């Protein structure tokens, strides 16, 4: 023990560098333990905290406070997917028109919206609205010692605060993602047919030809995985926030950065696992 103290005092920089892998593994272990406890508490939360779950579902979909004036997560995700679908149509029509195959814009709408645009935009919208709000809420409860008060009242704080939000997020993600996909389709069709003047029948032909129902199921699975990881990450950073109000702001920033990385990582992993060996479509004349 004395030797370790001598090394730390003599070579502080070397000691700090050598401890980084240990600290990293410790943080990963803390994350995994919290995630397992939160998921294990889902059955208990579903039985005993139903009113809280209903309140959280309404908060996710329509927002709370001033956010309710613009519709909460539903309005944010809807606007983002409308913009993404319209941008896809603009870029696809102009780029394909350079080589004389702008008729395939319907193919791009059916292919990219389902596999990439809609799930990624829905994940980003969920992280930026409900996820950030969850981190701020739990962080404020932590620094105000409200979580400690729940423990003193024999209420399981992880089940009441975290597991309920996971259940609410899983229930709300179905209509939320459905709205995202539908609005992305509507935006692409409106931009191509109305603004660019392409024949509606031509657009519908290529759109229906390349829209694979199985891809919609895989895309929904991707959105569910994103929602679970986003909720777990944001609740962790909020639950263990420290350092007063500024610490809550730091926790929100760290949670949003981490969840955005996770969103694109889940997209990459799902694409590799499902479409890596087979694109699941045949583009032939």
C-alpha atoms as a PDB file:
ATOM      1  CA  UNK A   1       0.000   0.000   0.000  1.00  0.00           C
ATOM      2  CA  UNK A   2       2.864   2.310   0.813  1.00  0.00           C
ATOM      3  CA  UNK A   3       4.435   1.566  -2.553  1.00  0.00           C
ATOM      4  CA  UNK A   4       1.238   2.568  -4.368  1.00  0.00           C
ATOM      5  CA  UNK A   5       1.101   5.855  -2.503  1.00  0.00           C
ATOM      6  CA  UNK A   6       4.728   6.552  -3.403  1.00  0.00           C
ATOM      7  CA  UNK A   7       4.042   5.825  -7.093  1.00  0.00           C
ATOM      8  CA  UNK A   8       0.967   8.077  -7.093  1.00  0.00           C
ATOM      9  CA  UNK A   9       2.848  10.948  -5.537  1.00  0.00           C
ATOM     10  CA  UNK A  10       5.933  10.470  -7.750  1.00  0.00           C
ATOM     11  CA  UNK A  11       4.175   9.780 -11.069  1.00  0.00           C
ATOM     12  CA  UNK A  12       0.691  11.325 -10.806  1.00  0.00           C
ATOM     13  CA  UNK A  13       0.166  11.595 -14.577  1.00  0.00           C
ATOM     14  CA  UNK A  14       1.177   7.980 -15.206  1.00  0.00           C
ATOM     15  CA  UNK A  15      -1.085   6.826 -12.399  1.00  0.00           C
ATOM     16  CA  UNK A  16      -4.065   8.753 -13.754  1.00  0.00           C
ATOM     17  CA  UNK A  17      -3.510   7.327 -17.251  1.00  0.00           C
ATOM     18  CA  UNK A  18      -3.265   3.787 -15.914  1.00  0.00           C
ATOM     19  CA  UNK A  19      -6.512   4.195 -13.986  1.00  0.00           C
ATOM     20  CA  UNK A  20      -8.561   5.282 -17.001  1.00  0.00           C
ATOM     21  CA  UNK A  21      -9.374   1.739 -18.231  1.00  0.00           C
ATOM     22  CA  UNK A  22     -10.459   0.776 -14.722  1.00  0.00           C
ATOM     23  CA  UNK A  23     -12.662   3.855 -14.412  1.00  0.00           C
ATOM     24  CA  UNK A  24     -14.167   3.165 -17.844  1.00  0.00           C
ATOM     25  CA  UNK A  25     -15.047  -0.404 -16.900  1.00  0.00           C
ATOM     26  CA  UNK A  26     -16.499   0.855 -13.625  1.00  0.00           C
ATOM     27  CA  UNK A  27     -18.752   3.342 -15.428  1.00  0.00           C
ATOM     28  CA  UNK A  28     -19.893   0.672 -17.891  1.00  0.00           C
ATOM     29  CA  UNK A  29     -20.710  -1.594 -14.963  1.00  0.00           C
ATOM     30  CA  UNK A  30     -22.724   1.160 -13.288  1.00  0.00           C
ATOM     31  CA  UNK A  31     -24.686   1.721 -16.489  1.00  0.00           C
ATOM     32  CA  UNK A  32     -25.439  -1.974 -16.957  1.00  0.00           C
ATOM     33  CA  UNK A  33     -26.490  -2.455 -13.335  1.00  0.00           C
ATOM     34  CA  UNK A  34     -28.863   0.511 -13.531  1.00  0.00           C
ATOM     35  CA  UNK A  35     -30.331  -0.669 -16.840  1.00  0.00           C
ATOM     36  CA  UNK A  36     -30.937  -4.177 -15.488  1.00  0.00           C
ATOM     37  CA  UNK A  37     -32.622  -2.817 -12.370  1.00  0.00           C
ATOM     38  CA  UNK A  38     -34.816  -0.513 -14.450  1.00  0.00           C
ATOM     39  CA  UNK A  39     -35.904  -3.285 -16.834  1.00  0.00           C
ATOM     40  CA  UNK A  40     -36.434  -5.734 -13.985  1.00  0.00           C
ATOM     41  CA  UNK A  41     -38.748  -3.215 -12.303  1.00  0.00           C
ATOM     42  CA  UNK A  42     -41.063  -2.940 -15.317  1.00  0.00           C
ATOM     43  CA  UNK A  43     -43.555  -5.626 -14.097  1.00  0.00           C
ATOM     44  CA  UNK A  44     -43.771  -4.028 -10.636  1.00  0.00           C
ATOM     45  CA  UNK A  45     -44.267  -0.568 -12.137  1.00  0.00           C
ATOM     46  CA  UNK A  46     -46.933  -1.809 -14.547  1.00  0.00           C
ATOM     47  CA  UNK A  47     -48.976  -3.231 -11.676  1.00  0.00           C
ATOM     48  CA  UNK A  48     -48.583  -0.571  -8.988  1.00  0.00           C
ATOM     49  CA  UNK A  49     -48.016   2.733 -10.838  1.00  0.00           C
ATOM     50  CA  UNK A  50     -50.661   2.728 -13.577  1.00  0.00           C
ATOM     51  CA  UNK A  51     -51.800   6.317 -13.008  1.00  0.00           C
ATOM     52  CA  UNK A  52     -48.234   7.566 -13.303  1.00  0.00           C
ATOM     53  CA  UNK A  53     -47.789   5.637 -16.540  1.00  0.00           C
ATOM     54  CA  UNK A  54     -50.933   7.189 -18.032  1.00  0.00           C
ATOM     55  CA  UNK A  55     -49.720  10.651 -17.053  1.00  0.00           C
ATOM     56  CA  UNK A  56     -46.342   9.999 -18.647  1.00  0.00           C
ATOM     57  CA  UNK A  57     -47.934   8.758 -21.884  1.00  0.00           C
ATOM     58  CA  UNK A  58     -49.841  12.022 -22.161  1.00  0.00           C
ATOM     59  CA  UNK A  59     -46.659  13.955 -21.390  1.00  0.00           C
ATOM     60  CA  UNK A  60     -44.710  12.127 -24.087  1.00  0.00           C
ATOM     61  CA  UNK A  61     -47.322  12.564 -26.788  1.00  0.00           C
ATOM     62  CA  UNK A  62     -48.704  16.046 -26.132  1.00  0.00           C
ATOM     63  CA  UNK A  63     -46.039  17.572 -23.909  1.00  0.00           C
ATOM     64  CA  UNK A  64     -46.279  19.328 -20.562  1.00  0.00           C
ATOM     65  CA  UNK A  65     -46.305  22.987 -19.630  1.00  0.00           C
ATOM     66  CA  UNK A  66     -45.389  25.369 -22.420  1.00  0.00           C
ATOM     67  CA  UNK A  67     -44.384  22.462 -24.659  1.00  0.00           C
ATOM     68  CA  UNK A  68     -48.033  21.395 -24.796  1.00  0.00           C
ATOM     69  CA  UNK A  69     -48.812  24.543 -26.818  1.00  0.00           C
ATOM     70  CA  UNK A  70     -46.993  23.105 -29.835  1.00  0.00           C
ATOM     71  CA  UNK A  71     -48.024  19.490 -29.349  1.00  0.00           C
ATOM     72  CA  UNK A  72     -45.033  17.924 -27.617  1.00  0.00           C
ATOM     73  CA  UNK A  73     -43.095  15.053 -29.148  1.00  0.00           C
ATOM     74  CA  UNK A  74     -45.797  14.270 -31.729  1.00  0.00           C
ATOM     75  CA  UNK A  75     -45.599  17.734 -33.300  1.00  0.00           C
ATOM     76  CA  UNK A  76     -41.793  17.849 -33.194  1.00  0.00           C
ATOM     77  CA  UNK A  77     -41.346  14.420 -34.779  1.00  0.00           C
ATOM     78  CA  UNK A  78     -44.085  15.173 -37.326  1.00  0.00           C
ATOM     79  CA  UNK A  79     -42.413  18.401 -38.412  1.00  0.00           C
ATOM     80  CA  UNK A  80     -38.981  16.748 -38.616  1.00  0.00           C
ATOM     81  CA  UNK A  81     -40.241  13.862 -40.733  1.00  0.00           C
ATOM     82  CA  UNK A  82     -42.160  16.217 -43.012  1.00  0.00           C
ATOM     83  CA  UNK A  83     -38.960  18.181 -43.590  1.00  0.00           C
ATOM     84  CA  UNK A  84     -36.898  15.017 -44.061  1.00  0.00           C
ATOM     85  CA  UNK A  85     -39.377  13.523 -46.541  1.00  0.00           C
ATOM     86  CA  UNK A  86     -39.587  16.737 -48.535  1.00  0.00           C
ATOM     87  CA  UNK A  87     -35.805  17.117 -48.613  1.00  0.00           C
ATOM     88  CA  UNK A  88     -35.438  13.528 -49.778  1.00  0.00           C
ATOM     89  CA  UNK A  89     -37.863  14.150 -52.634  1.00  0.00           C
ATOM     90  CA  UNK A  90     -36.117  17.366 -53.685  1.00  0.00           C
ATOM     91  CA  UNK A  91     -32.655  15.812 -53.694  1.00  0.00           C
ATOM     92  CA  UNK A  92     -33.823  12.569 -55.248  1.00  0.00           C
ATOM     93  CA  UNK A  93     -35.806  14.175 -58.044  1.00  0.00           C
ATOM     94  CA  UNK A  94     -33.053  16.596 -59.008  1.00  0.00           C
ATOM     95  CA  UNK A  95     -30.249  14.040 -58.751  1.00  0.00           C
ATOM     96  CA  UNK A  96     -32.076  11.304 -60.629  1.00  0.00           C
ATOM     97  CA  UNK A  97     -33.198  13.856 -63.212  1.00  0.00           C
ATOM     98  CA  UNK A  98     -29.561  14.467 -64.117  1.00  0.00           C
ATOM     99  CA  UNK A  99     -29.379  10.956 -65.555  1.00  0.00           C
ATOM    100  CA  UNK A 100     -32.955  10.871 -66.861  1.00  0.00           C
ATOM    101  CA  UNK A 101     -34.552   8.524 -64.326  1.00  0.00           C
ATOM    102  CA  UNK A 102     -36.463  10.961 -62.117  1.00  0.00           C
ATOM    103  CA  UNK A 103     -39.382   8.518 -62.339  1.00  0.00           C
ATOM    104  CA  UNK A 104     -37.606   6.483 -59.640  1.00  0.00           C
ATOM    105  CA  UNK A 105     -38.177   9.170 -57.005  1.00  0.00           C
ATOM    106  CA  UNK A 106     -40.998   6.987 -55.646  1.00  0.00           C
ATOM    107  CA  UNK A 107     -38.446   4.211 -55.165  1.00  0.00           C
ATOM    108  CA  UNK A 108     -36.245   6.475 -53.045  1.00  0.00           C
ATOM    109  CA  UNK A 109     -39.226   7.511 -50.927  1.00  0.00           C
ATOM    110  CA  UNK A 110     -40.187   3.902 -50.240  1.00  0.00           C
ATOM    111  CA  UNK A 111     -36.611   2.794 -49.657  1.00  0.00           C
ATOM    112  CA  UNK A 112     -34.847   5.541 -47.697  1.00  0.00           C
ATOM    113  CA  UNK A 113     -37.797   6.834 -45.669  1.00  0.00           C
ATOM    114  CA  UNK A 114     -38.511   3.401 -44.243  1.00  0.00           C
ATOM    115  CA  UNK A 115     -34.975   2.180 -43.632  1.00  0.00           C
ATOM    116  CA  UNK A 116     -33.167   5.369 -42.610  1.00  0.00           C
ATOM    117  CA  UNK A 117     -35.009   8.676 -42.482  1.00  0.00           C
ATOM    118  CA  UNK A 118     -38.133   7.890 -40.436  1.00  0.00           C
ATOM    119  CA  UNK A 119     -36.509   5.823 -37.633  1.00  0.00           C
ATOM    120  CA  UNK A 120     -33.507   8.129 -37.269  1.00  0.00           C
ATOM    121  CA  UNK A 121     -35.630  11.294 -37.222  1.00  0.00           C
ATOM    122  CA  UNK A 122     -38.054   9.712 -34.737  1.00  0.00           C
ATOM    123  CA  UNK A 123     -35.150   8.744 -32.468  1.00  0.00           C
ATOM    124  CA  UNK A 124     -33.626  12.217 -32.637  1.00  0.00           C
ATOM    125  CA  UNK A 125     -36.994  13.822 -31.918  1.00  0.00           C
ATOM    126  CA  UNK A 126     -37.605  11.536 -28.941  1.00  0.00           C
ATOM    127  CA  UNK A 127     -34.152  12.271 -27.527  1.00  0.00           C
ATOM    128  CA  UNK A 128     -34.443  16.028 -28.010  1.00  0.00           C
ATOM    129  CA  UNK A 129     -37.916  16.328 -26.460  1.00  0.00           C
ATOM    130  CA  UNK A 130     -38.952  13.644 -24.009  1.00  0.00           C
ATOM    131  CA  UNK A 131     -35.428  12.347 -23.346  1.00  0.00           C
ATOM    132  CA  UNK A 132     -33.982  15.735 -22.440  1.00  0.00           C
ATOM    133  CA  UNK A 133     -37.055  16.491 -20.336  1.00  0.00           C
ATOM    134  CA  UNK A 134     -36.683  13.225 -18.424  1.00  0.00           C
ATOM    135  CA  UNK A 135     -33.048  13.969 -17.633  1.00  0.00           C
ATOM    136  CA  UNK A 136     -33.915  17.454 -16.382  1.00  0.00           C
ATOM    137  CA  UNK A 137     -36.833  16.178 -14.294  1.00  0.00           C
ATOM    138  CA  UNK A 138     -34.892  13.404 -12.599  1.00  0.00           C
ATOM    139  CA  UNK A 139     -31.852  15.643 -12.142  1.00  0.00           C
ATOM    140  CA  UNK A 140     -33.952  18.294 -10.423  1.00  0.00           C
ATOM    141  CA  UNK A 141     -35.480  15.639  -8.183  1.00  0.00           C
ATOM    142  CA  UNK A 142     -32.020  14.363  -7.298  1.00  0.00           C
ATOM    143  CA  UNK A 143     -30.538  17.718  -6.302  1.00  0.00           C
ATOM    144  CA  UNK A 144     -33.727  18.595  -4.388  1.00  0.00           C
ATOM    145  CA  UNK A 145     -33.440  15.276  -2.505  1.00  0.00           C
ATOM    146  CA  UNK A 146     -36.863  14.162  -3.713  1.00  0.00           C
ATOM    147  CA  UNK A 147     -35.479  10.775  -4.750  1.00  0.00           C
ATOM    148  CA  UNK A 148     -34.107  10.280  -1.234  1.00  0.00           C
ATOM    149  CA  UNK A 149     -37.547  11.212   0.093  1.00  0.00           C
ATOM    150  CA  UNK A 150     -39.124   8.455  -2.003  1.00  0.00           C
ATOM    151  CA  UNK A 151     -36.724   5.937  -0.482  1.00  0.00           C
ATOM    152  CA  UNK A 152     -37.585   7.136   3.017  1.00  0.00           C
ATOM    153  CA  UNK A 153     -41.283   6.519   2.224  1.00  0.00           C
ATOM    154  CA  UNK A 154     -40.492   2.923   1.161  1.00  0.00           C
ATOM    155  CA  UNK A 155     -41.248   3.687  -2.506  1.00  0.00           C
ATOM    156  CA  UNK A 156     -38.843   2.081  -4.958  1.00  0.00           C
ATOM    157  CA  UNK A 157     -37.435   5.108  -6.797  1.00  0.00           C
ATOM    158  CA  UNK A 158     -36.117   3.262  -9.850  1.00  0.00           C
ATOM    159  CA  UNK A 159     -39.439   1.504 -10.457  1.00  0.00           C
ATOM    160  CA  UNK A 160     -41.470   4.661  -9.838  1.00  0.00           C
ATOM    161  CA  UNK A 161     -39.289   7.096 -11.784  1.00  0.00           C
ATOM    162  CA  UNK A 162     -37.491   5.000 -14.407  1.00  0.00           C
ATOM    163  CA  UNK A 163     -39.484   1.840 -15.119  1.00  0.00           C
ATOM    164  CA  UNK A 164     -42.716   3.814 -15.507  1.00  0.00           C
ATOM    165  CA  UNK A 165     -41.073   6.021 -18.117  1.00  0.00           C
ATOM    166  CA  UNK A 166     -39.820   2.980 -20.005  1.00  0.00           C
ATOM    167  CA  UNK A 167     -43.341   1.530 -20.134  1.00  0.00           C
ATOM    168  CA  UNK A 168     -44.817   4.857 -21.219  1.00  0.00           C
ATOM    169  CA  UNK A 169     -42.165   5.253 -23.910  1.00  0.00           C
ATOM    170  CA  UNK A 170     -42.790   1.767 -25.301  1.00  0.00           C
ATOM    171  CA  UNK A 171     -46.536   2.424 -25.470  1.00  0.00           C
ATOM    172  CA  UNK A 172     -46.138   5.858 -27.049  1.00  0.00           C
ATOM    173  CA  UNK A 173     -43.530   4.842 -29.631  1.00  0.00           C
ATOM    174  CA  UNK A 174     -46.074   2.901 -31.742  1.00  0.00           C
ATOM    175  CA  UNK A 175     -48.366   5.821 -32.720  1.00  0.00           C
ATOM    176  CA  UNK A 176     -45.391   8.179 -32.685  1.00  0.00           C
ATOM    177  CA  UNK A 177     -43.456   6.123 -35.202  1.00  0.00           C
ATOM    178  CA  UNK A 178     -46.564   5.504 -37.299  1.00  0.00           C
ATOM    179  CA  UNK A 179     -47.063   9.264 -37.594  1.00  0.00           C
ATOM    180  CA  UNK A 180     -43.403   9.698 -38.534  1.00  0.00           C
ATOM    181  CA  UNK A 181     -43.577   7.146 -41.358  1.00  0.00           C
ATOM    182  CA  UNK A 182     -46.899   8.397 -42.733  1.00  0.00           C
ATOM    183  CA  UNK A 183     -45.818  12.051 -42.741  1.00  0.00           C
ATOM    184  CA  UNK A 184     -42.524  11.202 -44.454  1.00  0.00           C
ATOM    185  CA  UNK A 185     -44.477   9.423 -47.206  1.00  0.00           C
ATOM    186  CA  UNK A 186     -46.931  12.304 -47.537  1.00  0.00           C
ATOM    187  CA  UNK A 187     -44.147  14.892 -47.738  1.00  0.00           C
ATOM    188  CA  UNK A 188     -42.252  12.958 -50.412  1.00  0.00           C
ATOM    189  CA  UNK A 189     -45.360  12.429 -52.540  1.00  0.00           C
ATOM    190  CA  UNK A 190     -46.532  16.019 -52.204  1.00  0.00           C
ATOM    191  CA  UNK A 191     -43.134  17.415 -53.157  1.00  0.00           C
ATOM    192  CA  UNK A 192     -42.712  15.107 -56.141  1.00  0.00           C
ATOM    193  CA  UNK A 193     -46.225  15.181 -57.551  1.00  0.00           C
ATOM    194  CA  UNK A 194     -47.494  18.655 -56.656  1.00  0.00           C
ATOM    195  CA  UNK A 195     -44.337  20.779 -56.635  1.00  0.00           C
ATOM    196  CA  UNK A 196     -42.353  19.040 -59.379  1.00  0.00           C
ATOM    197  CA  UNK A 197     -45.346  17.953 -61.455  1.00  0.00           C
ATOM    198  CA  UNK A 198     -44.568  14.278 -61.814  1.00  0.00           C
ATOM    199  CA  UNK A 199     -47.461  11.982 -62.682  1.00  0.00           C
ATOM    200  CA  UNK A 200     -49.176  10.657 -59.573  1.00  0.00           C
ATOM    201  CA  UNK A 201     -49.699   7.255 -61.157  1.00  0.00           C
ATOM    202  CA  UNK A 202     -46.023   6.992 -62.084  1.00  0.00           C
ATOM    203  CA  UNK A 203     -44.955   7.909 -58.553  1.00  0.00           C
ATOM    204  CA  UNK A 204     -47.404   5.455 -56.992  1.00  0.00           C
ATOM    205  CA  UNK A 205     -46.268   2.657 -59.316  1.00  0.00           C
ATOM    206  CA  UNK A 206     -42.614   2.779 -58.249  1.00  0.00           C
ATOM    207  CA  UNK A 207     -43.495   3.572 -54.634  1.00  0.00           C
ATOM    208  CA  UNK A 208     -45.799   0.557 -54.278  1.00  0.00           C
ATOM    209  CA  UNK A 209     -43.418  -1.688 -56.205  1.00  0.00           C
ATOM    210  CA  UNK A 210     -40.485  -1.117 -53.880  1.00  0.00           C
ATOM    211  CA  UNK A 211     -42.336  -0.630 -50.576  1.00  0.00           C
ATOM    212  CA  UNK A 212     -41.740  -3.932 -48.784  1.00  0.00           C
ATOM    213  CA  UNK A 213     -44.065  -4.549 -45.801  1.00  0.00           C
ATOM    214  CA  UNK A 214     -41.312  -6.552 -44.082  1.00  0.00           C
ATOM    215  CA  UNK A 215     -39.109  -3.462 -44.162  1.00  0.00           C
ATOM    216  CA  UNK A 216     -41.779  -1.587 -42.193  1.00  0.00           C
ATOM    217  CA  UNK A 217     -41.658  -4.238 -39.474  1.00  0.00           C
ATOM    218  CA  UNK A 218     -37.864  -4.113 -39.304  1.00  0.00           C
ATOM    219  CA  UNK A 219     -38.001  -0.329 -39.242  1.00  0.00           C
ATOM    220  CA  UNK A 220     -40.468  -0.404 -36.347  1.00  0.00           C
ATOM    221  CA  UNK A 221     -38.174  -2.810 -34.466  1.00  0.00           C
ATOM    222  CA  UNK A 222     -35.342  -0.359 -35.046  1.00  0.00           C
ATOM    223  CA  UNK A 223     -37.456   2.475 -33.628  1.00  0.00           C
ATOM    224  CA  UNK A 224     -38.327   0.394 -30.545  1.00  0.00           C
ATOM    225  CA  UNK A 225     -34.660  -0.385 -29.893  1.00  0.00           C
ATOM    226  CA  UNK A 226     -33.838   3.304 -30.245  1.00  0.00           C
ATOM    227  CA  UNK A 227     -36.599   4.263 -27.819  1.00  0.00           C
ATOM    228  CA  UNK A 228     -35.433   1.769 -25.183  1.00  0.00           C
ATOM    229  CA  UNK A 229     -31.806   2.855 -25.355  1.00  0.00           C
ATOM    230  CA  UNK A 230     -32.711   6.564 -25.372  1.00  0.00           C
ATOM    231  CA  UNK A 231     -34.938   6.218 -22.321  1.00  0.00           C
ATOM    232  CA  UNK A 232     -32.369   4.158 -20.408  1.00  0.00           C
ATOM    233  CA  UNK A 233     -29.561   6.603 -21.170  1.00  0.00           C
ATOM    234  CA  UNK A 234     -31.520   9.732 -20.283  1.00  0.00           C
ATOM    235  CA  UNK A 235     -32.942   8.285 -17.073  1.00  0.00           C
ATOM    236  CA  UNK A 236     -29.465   7.187 -15.975  1.00  0.00           C
ATOM    237  CA  UNK A 237     -27.895  10.607 -16.415  1.00  0.00           C
ATOM    238  CA  UNK A 238     -30.834  12.294 -14.723  1.00  0.00           C
ATOM    239  CA  UNK A 239     -31.032   9.828 -11.845  1.00  0.00           C
ATOM    240  CA  UNK A 240     -27.360  10.253 -10.950  1.00  0.00           C
ATOM    241  CA  UNK A 241     -27.059  13.994 -11.653  1.00  0.00           C
ATOM    242  CA  UNK A 242     -25.061  16.004  -9.149  1.00  0.00           C
ATOM    243  CA  UNK A 243     -23.581  19.453  -8.685  1.00  0.00           C
ATOM    244  CA  UNK A 244     -26.690  21.603  -8.385  1.00  0.00           C
ATOM    245  CA  UNK A 245     -28.536  23.240 -11.299  1.00  0.00           C
ATOM    246  CA  UNK A 246     -25.392  23.447 -13.397  1.00  0.00           C
ATOM    247  CA  UNK A 247     -24.885  19.733 -12.866  1.00  0.00           C
ATOM    248  CA  UNK A 248     -28.368  19.067 -14.222  1.00  0.00           C
ATOM    249  CA  UNK A 249     -27.498  21.039 -17.350  1.00  0.00           C
ATOM    250  CA  UNK A 250     -24.296  19.022 -17.771  1.00  0.00           C
ATOM    251  CA  UNK A 251     -26.268  15.784 -17.332  1.00  0.00           C
ATOM    252  CA  UNK A 252     -28.779  16.820 -20.014  1.00  0.00           C
ATOM    253  CA  UNK A 253     -25.965  17.667 -22.429  1.00  0.00           C
ATOM    254  CA  UNK A 254     -24.159  14.377 -21.793  1.00  0.00           C
ATOM    255  CA  UNK A 255     -27.385  12.393 -22.168  1.00  0.00           C
ATOM    256  CA  UNK A 256     -28.335  14.047 -25.464  1.00  0.00           C
ATOM    257  CA  UNK A 257     -24.847  13.546 -26.917  1.00  0.00           C
ATOM    258  CA  UNK A 258     -24.792   9.900 -25.860  1.00  0.00           C
ATOM    259  CA  UNK A 259     -28.286   9.172 -27.153  1.00  0.00           C
ATOM    260  CA  UNK A 260     -27.560  10.756 -30.541  1.00  0.00           C
ATOM    261  CA  UNK A 261     -24.520   8.516 -30.909  1.00  0.00           C
ATOM    262  CA  UNK A 262     -26.656   5.530 -29.914  1.00  0.00           C
ATOM    263  CA  UNK A 263     -29.348   6.415 -32.477  1.00  0.00           C
ATOM    264  CA  UNK A 264     -26.954   6.268 -35.416  1.00  0.00           C
ATOM    265  CA  UNK A 265     -25.181   3.232 -33.916  1.00  0.00           C
ATOM    266  CA  UNK A 266     -28.458   1.301 -33.661  1.00  0.00           C
ATOM    267  CA  UNK A 267     -29.242   2.264 -37.261  1.00  0.00           C
ATOM    268  CA  UNK A 268     -25.861   0.960 -38.397  1.00  0.00           C
ATOM    269  CA  UNK A 269     -26.105  -2.301 -36.430  1.00  0.00           C
ATOM    270  CA  UNK A 270     -29.669  -3.024 -37.545  1.00  0.00           C
ATOM    271  CA  UNK A 271     -28.775  -2.287 -41.168  1.00  0.00           C
ATOM    272  CA  UNK A 272     -25.756  -4.590 -40.988  1.00  0.00           C
ATOM    273  CA  UNK A 273     -27.689  -7.401 -39.323  1.00  0.00           C
ATOM    274  CA  UNK A 274     -30.767  -7.243 -41.576  1.00  0.00           C
ATOM    275  CA  UNK A 275     -29.599  -5.824 -44.892  1.00  0.00           C
ATOM    276  CA  UNK A 276     -25.870  -6.539 -44.740  1.00  0.00           C
ATOM    277  CA  UNK A 277     -25.903  -9.679 -46.882  1.00  0.00           C
ATOM    278  CA  UNK A 278     -29.115  -9.061 -48.830  1.00  0.00           C
ATOM    279  CA  UNK A 279     -30.600  -5.684 -49.707  1.00  0.00           C
ATOM    280  CA  UNK A 280     -34.079  -7.283 -49.681  1.00  0.00           C
ATOM    281  CA  UNK A 281     -35.051  -5.705 -53.022  1.00  0.00           C
ATOM    282  CA  UNK A 282     -34.286  -6.159 -56.694  1.00  0.00           C
ATOM    283  CA  UNK A 283     -33.805  -3.069 -58.855  1.00  0.00           C
ATOM    284  CA  UNK A 284     -34.156  -4.292 -62.436  1.00  0.00           C
ATOM    285  CA  UNK A 285     -35.757  -3.076 -65.599  1.00  0.00           C
END
